Amino acid sequence: MIQYILTDIEGTTTSVNFVYEVLFPYFSTHFSAFAGKEFESEAVQTQLNATIETVKIEQNRIISQAEAIEQLLAWTLEDRKHPALKALQGLVWQEGYQNGTLKGHLYTDVPPVLEKWKKAGLQLGIYSSGSVQAQKLLFGSSEFGDLTPLFSHYFDTAVGNKREVTSYQNIQKQINLPARQILFLSDIAQELDAAKSAGFQTIQLVREKNTASLKHKHVTNFTACARIISGQQAHARNQRGNHGDGDCACC
């Protein structure tokens, strides 16, 4: 029976347009000024040096820290999932959320369903390519208020790439529940494939232009997702009633 719901953000709880049309442009517009102001800070220096190291390895050339700033801006346009970029995006967005310029977008069906699941005793977690800091900022300063108390865990690419089975195995170890009791929600079929290979249950959100996968159950919103979960939970309870108190492996 499902005990834990792990959800992606972009395309699942949050519009892809918010990321590409609001968050990324905000970073591109404000990063140079932020880097100049915070240039000597350990946080900025660490990520600039990580960028320089990546360019050295991938392109066999040495760039300056000023060139590293330009490289990070180029990676933003490419939507590269580089840890240095994701960390710096979180720092820049933090200023935007704190001064009220940014408000975290969530589909209207998401907050009430998350609250319902939490009240029902389910644990909730986030797994996104965006940094843990960026995740907390989005949900902490959302259009619906601070939703961070709903979540038990936040995971980013520190546990691994979202399309790799080992990433979900790492998450499962940290959650410390059997994989079959964890449900992963995402709009990306390849992410769901990896989670399913790790033993997770999966549901695909088909909200915008993504294509439904035949390998996974799919819904268009969290309300429909909640109906599927409620049906599974009821089935599991009936199975326990018929066969004793053992966990129902089919759910």
C-alpha atoms as a PDB file:
ATOM      1  CA  MET A   1       0.000   0.000   0.000  1.00  0.00           C
ATOM      2  CA  ILE A   2       1.273   3.474  -0.828  1.00  0.00           C
ATOM      3  CA  GLN A   3       2.855   5.230   2.151  1.00  0.00           C
ATOM      4  CA  TYR A   4       4.891   7.900   0.387  1.00  0.00           C
ATOM      5  CA  ILE A   5       4.236  10.158  -2.629  1.00  0.00           C
ATOM      6  CA  LEU A   6       7.283  11.607  -4.371  1.00  0.00           C
ATOM      7  CA  THR A   7       6.581  14.284  -6.968  1.00  0.00           C
ATOM      8  CA  ASP A   8       8.434  16.074  -9.701  1.00  0.00           C
ATOM      9  CA  ILE A   9       7.871  19.843 -10.072  1.00  0.00           C
ATOM     10  CA  GLU A  10       8.166  21.131 -13.652  1.00  0.00           C
ATOM     11  CA  GLY A  11       5.184  19.935 -15.691  1.00  0.00           C
ATOM     12  CA  THR A  12       3.773  18.062 -12.686  1.00  0.00           C
ATOM     13  CA  THR A  13       2.981  20.518  -9.888  1.00  0.00           C
ATOM     14  CA  THR A  14       4.106  23.610 -11.776  1.00  0.00           C
ATOM     15  CA  SER A  15       3.722  24.912 -15.309  1.00  0.00           C
ATOM     16  CA  VAL A  16       6.701  24.468 -17.617  1.00  0.00           C
ATOM     17  CA  ASN A  17       6.027  28.028 -18.791  1.00  0.00           C
ATOM     18  CA  PHE A  18       6.670  29.375 -15.292  1.00  0.00           C
ATOM     19  CA  VAL A  19      10.141  27.863 -15.357  1.00  0.00           C
ATOM     20  CA  TYR A  20      11.053  28.943 -18.889  1.00  0.00           C
ATOM     21  CA  GLU A  21       9.232  32.259 -19.061  1.00  0.00           C
ATOM     22  CA  VAL A  22       9.627  33.526 -15.491  1.00  0.00           C
ATOM     23  CA  LEU A  23      12.389  31.795 -13.511  1.00  0.00           C
ATOM     24  CA  PHE A  24      15.031  31.373 -16.220  1.00  0.00           C
ATOM     25  CA  PRO A  25      14.659  34.948 -17.577  1.00  0.00           C
ATOM     26  CA  TYR A  26      14.811  36.302 -14.029  1.00  0.00           C
ATOM     27  CA  PHE A  27      18.098  34.500 -13.478  1.00  0.00           C
ATOM     28  CA  SER A  28      19.534  35.634 -16.810  1.00  0.00           C
ATOM     29  CA  THR A  29      18.597  39.248 -16.086  1.00  0.00           C
ATOM     30  CA  HIS A  30      19.879  39.382 -12.512  1.00  0.00           C
ATOM     31  CA  PHE A  31      22.784  36.924 -12.367  1.00  0.00           C
ATOM     32  CA  SER A  32      25.582  39.211 -13.531  1.00  0.00           C
ATOM     33  CA  ALA A  33      24.668  41.858 -10.947  1.00  0.00           C
ATOM     34  CA  PHE A  34      24.290  39.216  -8.257  1.00  0.00           C
ATOM     35  CA  ALA A  35      27.655  37.647  -9.116  1.00  0.00           C
ATOM     36  CA  GLY A  36      29.320  41.058  -8.995  1.00  0.00           C
ATOM     37  CA  LYS A  37      27.811  41.847  -5.609  1.00  0.00           C
ATOM     38  CA  GLU A  38      28.529  38.422  -4.103  1.00  0.00           C
ATOM     39  CA  PHE A  39      31.687  37.665  -6.095  1.00  0.00           C
ATOM     40  CA  GLU A  40      33.931  37.072  -3.072  1.00  0.00           C
ATOM     41  CA  SER A  41      31.438  34.856  -1.254  1.00  0.00           C
ATOM     42  CA  GLU A  42      32.290  31.191  -0.836  1.00  0.00           C
ATOM     43  CA  ALA A  43      28.984  30.152  -2.399  1.00  0.00           C
ATOM     44  CA  VAL A  44      29.668  32.012  -5.653  1.00  0.00           C
ATOM     45  CA  GLN A  45      33.376  31.186  -5.790  1.00  0.00           C
ATOM     46  CA  THR A  46      32.713  27.469  -5.318  1.00  0.00           C
ATOM     47  CA  GLN A  47      30.242  27.329  -8.195  1.00  0.00           C
ATOM     48  CA  LEU A  48      32.338  29.471 -10.539  1.00  0.00           C
ATOM     49  CA  ASN A  49      35.307  27.181  -9.934  1.00  0.00           C
ATOM     50  CA  ALA A  50      33.110  24.127 -10.568  1.00  0.00           C
ATOM     51  CA  THR A  51      32.062  25.689 -13.864  1.00  0.00           C
ATOM     52  CA  ILE A  52      35.678  26.347 -14.821  1.00  0.00           C
ATOM     53  CA  GLU A  53      36.569  22.735 -14.018  1.00  0.00           C
ATOM     54  CA  THR A  54      33.727  21.392 -16.167  1.00  0.00           C
ATOM     55  CA  VAL A  55      34.770  23.515 -19.141  1.00  0.00           C
ATOM     56  CA  LYS A  56      38.364  22.339 -18.692  1.00  0.00           C
ATOM     57  CA  ILE A  57      37.283  18.688 -18.741  1.00  0.00           C
ATOM     58  CA  GLU A  58      34.730  18.966 -21.540  1.00  0.00           C
ATOM     59  CA  GLN A  59      36.402  21.518 -23.811  1.00  0.00           C
ATOM     60  CA  ASN A  60      40.066  21.237 -22.790  1.00  0.00           C
ATOM     61  CA  ARG A  61      40.401  24.970 -22.210  1.00  0.00           C
ATOM     62  CA  ILE A  62      40.871  27.252 -19.225  1.00  0.00           C
ATOM     63  CA  ILE A  63      38.396  30.081 -18.762  1.00  0.00           C
ATOM     64  CA  SER A  64      38.384  33.015 -16.347  1.00  0.00           C
ATOM     65  CA  GLN A  65      35.756  33.545 -13.687  1.00  0.00           C
ATOM     66  CA  ALA A  66      34.229  36.298 -15.822  1.00  0.00           C
ATOM     67  CA  GLU A  67      33.964  33.809 -18.674  1.00  0.00           C
ATOM     68  CA  ALA A  68      32.468  31.298 -16.242  1.00  0.00           C
ATOM     69  CA  ILE A  69      29.621  33.745 -15.611  1.00  0.00           C
ATOM     70  CA  GLU A  70      28.949  33.914 -19.347  1.00  0.00           C
ATOM     71  CA  GLN A  71      29.124  30.119 -19.560  1.00  0.00           C
ATOM     72  CA  LEU A  72      26.518  29.780 -16.828  1.00  0.00           C
ATOM     73  CA  LEU A  73      24.217  32.153 -18.697  1.00  0.00           C
ATOM     74  CA  ALA A  74      24.680  30.048 -21.840  1.00  0.00           C
ATOM     75  CA  TRP A  75      23.872  26.892 -19.878  1.00  0.00           C
ATOM     76  CA  THR A  76      20.658  28.561 -18.699  1.00  0.00           C
ATOM     77  CA  LEU A  77      19.521  28.924 -22.314  1.00  0.00           C
ATOM     78  CA  GLU A  78      20.374  25.251 -22.879  1.00  0.00           C
ATOM     79  CA  ASP A  79      18.552  24.236 -19.667  1.00  0.00           C
ATOM     80  CA  ARG A  80      21.631  22.306 -18.626  1.00  0.00           C
ATOM     81  CA  LYS A  81      21.229  20.437 -15.331  1.00  0.00           C
ATOM     82  CA  HIS A  82      24.677  21.373 -14.034  1.00  0.00           C
ATOM     83  CA  PRO A  83      24.946  21.449 -10.207  1.00  0.00           C
ATOM     84  CA  ALA A  84      26.763  24.807 -10.224  1.00  0.00           C
ATOM     85  CA  LEU A  85      24.071  26.422 -12.342  1.00  0.00           C
ATOM     86  CA  LYS A  86      21.273  24.965 -10.252  1.00  0.00           C
ATOM     87  CA  ALA A  87      22.898  26.169  -7.021  1.00  0.00           C
ATOM     88  CA  LEU A  88      23.376  29.709  -8.342  1.00  0.00           C
ATOM     89  CA  GLN A  89      19.873  29.843  -9.769  1.00  0.00           C
ATOM     90  CA  GLY A  90      18.564  29.086  -6.295  1.00  0.00           C
ATOM     91  CA  LEU A  91      20.583  31.944  -4.794  1.00  0.00           C
ATOM     92  CA  VAL A  92      19.407  34.470  -7.376  1.00  0.00           C
ATOM     93  CA  TRP A  93      15.783  33.351  -7.186  1.00  0.00           C
ATOM     94  CA  GLN A  94      15.937  33.657  -3.404  1.00  0.00           C
ATOM     95  CA  GLU A  95      16.280  37.419  -3.750  1.00  0.00           C
ATOM     96  CA  GLY A  96      13.307  37.507  -6.112  1.00  0.00           C
ATOM     97  CA  TYR A  97      11.107  35.513  -3.765  1.00  0.00           C
ATOM     98  CA  GLN A  98      12.185  37.552  -0.738  1.00  0.00           C
ATOM     99  CA  ASN A  99      11.409  40.900  -2.361  1.00  0.00           C
ATOM    100  CA  GLY A 100       8.087  39.665  -3.697  1.00  0.00           C
ATOM    101  CA  THR A 101       9.011  39.809  -7.378  1.00  0.00           C
ATOM    102  CA  LEU A 102       8.608  36.037  -7.678  1.00  0.00           C
ATOM    103  CA  LYS A 103       5.737  33.851  -6.501  1.00  0.00           C
ATOM    104  CA  GLY A 104       5.942  30.099  -6.941  1.00  0.00           C
ATOM    105  CA  HIS A 105       3.410  28.847  -9.484  1.00  0.00           C
ATOM    106  CA  LEU A 106       1.356  25.753  -8.712  1.00  0.00           C
ATOM    107  CA  TYR A 107      -1.558  24.299 -10.623  1.00  0.00           C
ATOM    108  CA  THR A 108      -4.745  25.008  -8.659  1.00  0.00           C
ATOM    109  CA  ASP A 109      -5.480  21.296  -8.188  1.00  0.00           C
ATOM    110  CA  VAL A 110      -2.152  20.661  -6.431  1.00  0.00           C
ATOM    111  CA  PRO A 111      -2.354  22.336  -2.963  1.00  0.00           C
ATOM    112  CA  PRO A 112      -5.700  20.854  -1.822  1.00  0.00           C
ATOM    113  CA  VAL A 113      -4.685  17.349  -2.883  1.00  0.00           C
ATOM    114  CA  LEU A 114      -1.287  17.622  -1.187  1.00  0.00           C
ATOM    115  CA  GLU A 115      -3.031  18.746   1.997  1.00  0.00           C
ATOM    116  CA  LYS A 116      -5.516  15.878   1.722  1.00  0.00           C
ATOM    117  CA  TRP A 117      -2.736  13.334   1.346  1.00  0.00           C
ATOM    118  CA  LYS A 118      -0.847  14.803   4.298  1.00  0.00           C
ATOM    119  CA  LYS A 119      -3.938  14.677   6.525  1.00  0.00           C
ATOM    120  CA  ALA A 120      -4.477  11.058   5.457  1.00  0.00           C
ATOM    121  CA  GLY A 121      -1.068  10.185   6.899  1.00  0.00           C
ATOM    122  CA  LEU A 122       0.904   9.884   3.671  1.00  0.00           C
ATOM    123  CA  GLN A 123       4.438  11.236   3.572  1.00  0.00           C
ATOM    124  CA  LEU A 124       5.284  13.645   0.754  1.00  0.00           C
ATOM    125  CA  GLY A 125       8.561  14.461  -0.969  1.00  0.00           C
ATOM    126  CA  ILE A 126       9.952  16.406  -3.923  1.00  0.00           C
ATOM    127  CA  TYR A 127      12.476  15.213  -6.516  1.00  0.00           C
ATOM    128  CA  SER A 128      13.497  17.839  -9.052  1.00  0.00           C
ATOM    129  CA  SER A 129      16.496  18.843 -11.146  1.00  0.00           C
ATOM    130  CA  GLY A 130      16.292  22.238  -9.460  1.00  0.00           C
ATOM    131  CA  SER A 131      18.312  22.564  -6.274  1.00  0.00           C
ATOM    132  CA  VAL A 132      16.758  21.742  -2.912  1.00  0.00           C
ATOM    133  CA  GLN A 133      16.989  25.450  -2.109  1.00  0.00           C
ATOM    134  CA  ALA A 134      15.046  26.350  -5.271  1.00  0.00           C
ATOM    135  CA  GLN A 135      12.403  23.739  -4.423  1.00  0.00           C
ATOM    136  CA  LYS A 136      11.896  25.136  -0.928  1.00  0.00           C
ATOM    137  CA  LEU A 137      11.691  28.680  -2.287  1.00  0.00           C
ATOM    138  CA  LEU A 138       9.005  27.763  -4.818  1.00  0.00           C
ATOM    139  CA  PHE A 139       6.804  25.951  -2.298  1.00  0.00           C
ATOM    140  CA  GLY A 140       7.654  28.311   0.555  1.00  0.00           C
ATOM    141  CA  SER A 141       6.649  31.417  -1.434  1.00  0.00           C
ATOM    142  CA  SER A 142       3.923  29.903  -3.583  1.00  0.00           C
ATOM    143  CA  GLU A 143       0.801  31.649  -4.796  1.00  0.00           C
ATOM    144  CA  PHE A 144      -1.006  29.561  -2.140  1.00  0.00           C
ATOM    145  CA  GLY A 145       1.291  30.450   0.747  1.00  0.00           C
ATOM    146  CA  ASP A 146       3.962  28.414   2.488  1.00  0.00           C
ATOM    147  CA  LEU A 147       3.477  24.722   1.682  1.00  0.00           C
ATOM    148  CA  THR A 148       6.882  23.494   2.859  1.00  0.00           C
ATOM    149  CA  PRO A 149       5.456  21.952   6.095  1.00  0.00           C
ATOM    150  CA  LEU A 150       3.725  19.370   3.893  1.00  0.00           C
ATOM    151  CA  PHE A 151       6.982  17.770   2.758  1.00  0.00           C
ATOM    152  CA  SER A 152       9.226  15.317   4.575  1.00  0.00           C
ATOM    153  CA  HIS A 153      12.088  15.307   2.032  1.00  0.00           C
ATOM    154  CA  TYR A 154      13.532  17.287  -0.857  1.00  0.00           C
ATOM    155  CA  PHE A 155      15.802  15.593  -3.399  1.00  0.00           C
ATOM    156  CA  ASP A 156      17.800  17.094  -6.259  1.00  0.00           C
ATOM    157  CA  THR A 157      20.455  15.720  -8.605  1.00  0.00           C
ATOM    158  CA  ALA A 158      22.791  15.174  -5.652  1.00  0.00           C
ATOM    159  CA  VAL A 159      21.129  11.730  -5.485  1.00  0.00           C
ATOM    160  CA  GLY A 160      21.659  11.237  -9.236  1.00  0.00           C
ATOM    161  CA  ASN A 161      20.149  11.957 -12.634  1.00  0.00           C
ATOM    162  CA  LYS A 162      16.369  11.679 -12.760  1.00  0.00           C
ATOM    163  CA  ARG A 163      16.491   9.185 -15.634  1.00  0.00           C
ATOM    164  CA  GLU A 164      18.777   6.722 -13.822  1.00  0.00           C
ATOM    165  CA  VAL A 165      17.507   3.789 -11.759  1.00  0.00           C
ATOM    166  CA  THR A 166      20.199   4.245  -9.112  1.00  0.00           C
ATOM    167  CA  SER A 167      18.836   7.702  -8.271  1.00  0.00           C
ATOM    168  CA  TYR A 168      15.534   6.211  -7.134  1.00  0.00           C
ATOM    169  CA  GLN A 169      17.324   3.458  -5.265  1.00  0.00           C
ATOM    170  CA  ASN A 170      19.263   6.164  -3.404  1.00  0.00           C
ATOM    171  CA  ILE A 171      16.020   7.991  -2.607  1.00  0.00           C
ATOM    172  CA  GLN A 172      14.371   4.790  -1.404  1.00  0.00           C
ATOM    173  CA  LYS A 173      17.228   4.201   1.036  1.00  0.00           C
ATOM    174  CA  GLN A 174      16.825   7.691   2.478  1.00  0.00           C
ATOM    175  CA  ILE A 175      13.051   7.399   2.750  1.00  0.00           C
ATOM    176  CA  ASN A 176      13.549   3.976   4.357  1.00  0.00           C
ATOM    177  CA  LEU A 177      10.366   2.382   3.032  1.00  0.00           C
ATOM    178  CA  PRO A 178       9.933  -0.563   0.674  1.00  0.00           C
ATOM    179  CA  ALA A 179      10.089   0.683  -2.922  1.00  0.00           C
ATOM    180  CA  ARG A 180       6.592  -0.679  -3.698  1.00  0.00           C
ATOM    181  CA  GLN A 181       5.162   1.679  -1.047  1.00  0.00           C
ATOM    182  CA  ILE A 182       6.527   4.761  -2.835  1.00  0.00           C
ATOM    183  CA  LEU A 183       4.607   6.428  -5.671  1.00  0.00           C
ATOM    184  CA  PHE A 184       6.467   8.729  -8.076  1.00  0.00           C
ATOM    185  CA  LEU A 185       4.605  11.405 -10.053  1.00  0.00           C
ATOM    186  CA  SER A 186       6.173  13.008 -13.121  1.00  0.00           C
ATOM    187  CA  ASP A 187       5.333  14.245 -16.601  1.00  0.00           C
ATOM    188  CA  ILE A 188       8.464  12.661 -18.121  1.00  0.00           C
ATOM    189  CA  ALA A 189       8.162   9.034 -19.246  1.00  0.00           C
ATOM    190  CA  GLN A 190      11.901   8.316 -18.977  1.00  0.00           C
ATOM    191  CA  GLU A 191      11.905   9.409 -15.328  1.00  0.00           C
ATOM    192  CA  LEU A 192       8.931   7.195 -14.617  1.00  0.00           C
ATOM    193  CA  ASP A 193      10.630   4.290 -16.404  1.00  0.00           C
ATOM    194  CA  ALA A 194      13.646   4.615 -14.108  1.00  0.00           C
ATOM    195  CA  ALA A 195      11.490   4.863 -10.994  1.00  0.00           C
ATOM    196  CA  LYS A 196       9.451   1.824 -12.037  1.00  0.00           C
ATOM    197  CA  SER A 197      12.644  -0.167 -12.631  1.00  0.00           C
ATOM    198  CA  ALA A 198      13.626   0.683  -9.053  1.00  0.00           C
ATOM    199  CA  GLY A 199      10.357  -0.825  -7.830  1.00  0.00           C
ATOM    200  CA  PHE A 200       8.377   2.396  -7.348  1.00  0.00           C
ATOM    201  CA  GLN A 201       4.767   2.766  -8.357  1.00  0.00           C
ATOM    202  CA  THR A 202       4.262   5.462 -10.986  1.00  0.00           C
ATOM    203  CA  ILE A 203       1.650   7.821 -12.407  1.00  0.00           C
ATOM    204  CA  GLN A 204       2.275  10.197 -15.286  1.00  0.00           C
ATOM    205  CA  LEU A 205       0.871  13.745 -15.333  1.00  0.00           C
ATOM    206  CA  VAL A 206      -0.151  14.711 -18.860  1.00  0.00           C
ATOM    207  CA  ARG A 207      -0.895  18.398 -18.473  1.00  0.00           C
ATOM    208  CA  GLU A 208       0.592  20.254 -21.391  1.00  0.00           C
ATOM    209  CA  LYS A 209       2.330  18.984 -24.536  1.00  0.00           C
ATOM    210  CA  ASN A 210       3.890  15.818 -23.165  1.00  0.00           C
ATOM    211  CA  THR A 211       2.812  12.489 -24.627  1.00  0.00           C
ATOM    212  CA  ALA A 212       1.152   9.834 -22.497  1.00  0.00           C
ATOM    213  CA  SER A 213       3.231   6.706 -22.006  1.00  0.00           C
ATOM    214  CA  LEU A 214       1.655   3.271 -22.403  1.00  0.00           C
ATOM    215  CA  LYS A 215       3.922   1.959 -19.625  1.00  0.00           C
ATOM    216  CA  HIS A 216       2.345   4.046 -16.861  1.00  0.00           C
ATOM    217  CA  LYS A 217      -1.058   5.098 -15.617  1.00  0.00           C
ATOM    218  CA  HIS A 218      -1.650   8.696 -16.632  1.00  0.00           C
ATOM    219  CA  VAL A 219      -3.902  11.527 -15.459  1.00  0.00           C
ATOM    220  CA  THR A 220      -4.350  15.190 -16.302  1.00  0.00           C
ATOM    221  CA  ASN A 221      -4.369  16.570 -12.756  1.00  0.00           C
ATOM    222  CA  PHE A 222      -3.788  15.755  -9.091  1.00  0.00           C
ATOM    223  CA  THR A 223      -7.512  15.320  -8.412  1.00  0.00           C
ATOM    224  CA  ALA A 224      -7.648  12.375 -10.808  1.00  0.00           C
ATOM    225  CA  CYS A 225      -4.418  11.070  -9.306  1.00  0.00           C
ATOM    226  CA  ALA A 226      -5.985  11.157  -5.844  1.00  0.00           C
ATOM    227  CA  ARG A 227      -8.903   9.056  -7.091  1.00  0.00           C
ATOM    228  CA  ILE A 228      -6.513   6.385  -8.372  1.00  0.00           C
ATOM    229  CA  ILE A 229      -4.640   6.315  -5.071  1.00  0.00           C
ATOM    230  CA  SER A 230      -7.860   6.148  -3.040  1.00  0.00           C
ATOM    231  CA  GLY A 231      -8.976   3.181  -5.139  1.00  0.00           C
ATOM    232  CA  GLN A 232      -5.650   1.414  -4.635  1.00  0.00           C
ATOM    233  CA  GLN A 233      -5.732   2.030  -0.892  1.00  0.00           C
ATOM    234  CA  ALA A 234      -9.271   0.671  -0.642  1.00  0.00           C
ATOM    235  CA  HIS A 235      -8.270  -2.397  -2.660  1.00  0.00           C
ATOM    236  CA  ALA A 236      -5.263  -2.965  -0.393  1.00  0.00           C
ATOM    237  CA  ARG A 237      -7.437  -2.780   2.703  1.00  0.00           C
ATOM    238  CA  ASN A 238      -9.833  -5.317   1.201  1.00  0.00           C
ATOM    239  CA  GLN A 239      -6.931  -7.615   0.364  1.00  0.00           C
ATOM    240  CA  ARG A 240      -5.714  -7.439   3.954  1.00  0.00           C
ATOM    241  CA  GLY A 241      -9.187  -8.232   5.148  1.00  0.00           C
ATOM    242  CA  ASN A 242      -9.319 -11.289   2.892  1.00  0.00           C
ATOM    243  CA  HIS A 243      -5.791 -12.546   3.420  1.00  0.00           C
ATOM    244  CA  GLY A 244      -4.659 -11.228   6.788  1.00  0.00           C
ATOM    245  CA  ASP A 245      -2.538  -8.227   7.658  1.00  0.00           C
ATOM    246  CA  GLY A 246       0.282  -8.743   5.149  1.00  0.00           C
ATOM    247  CA  ASP A 247       1.102  -5.939   2.754  1.00  0.00           C
ATOM    248  CA  CYS A 248      -0.626  -6.248  -0.615  1.00  0.00           C
ATOM    249  CA  ALA A 249       2.225  -6.479  -3.116  1.00  0.00           C
ATOM    250  CA  CYS A 250      -0.080  -5.650  -6.020  1.00  0.00           C
ATOM    251  CA  CYS A 251      -0.658  -2.143  -4.639  1.00  0.00           C
END
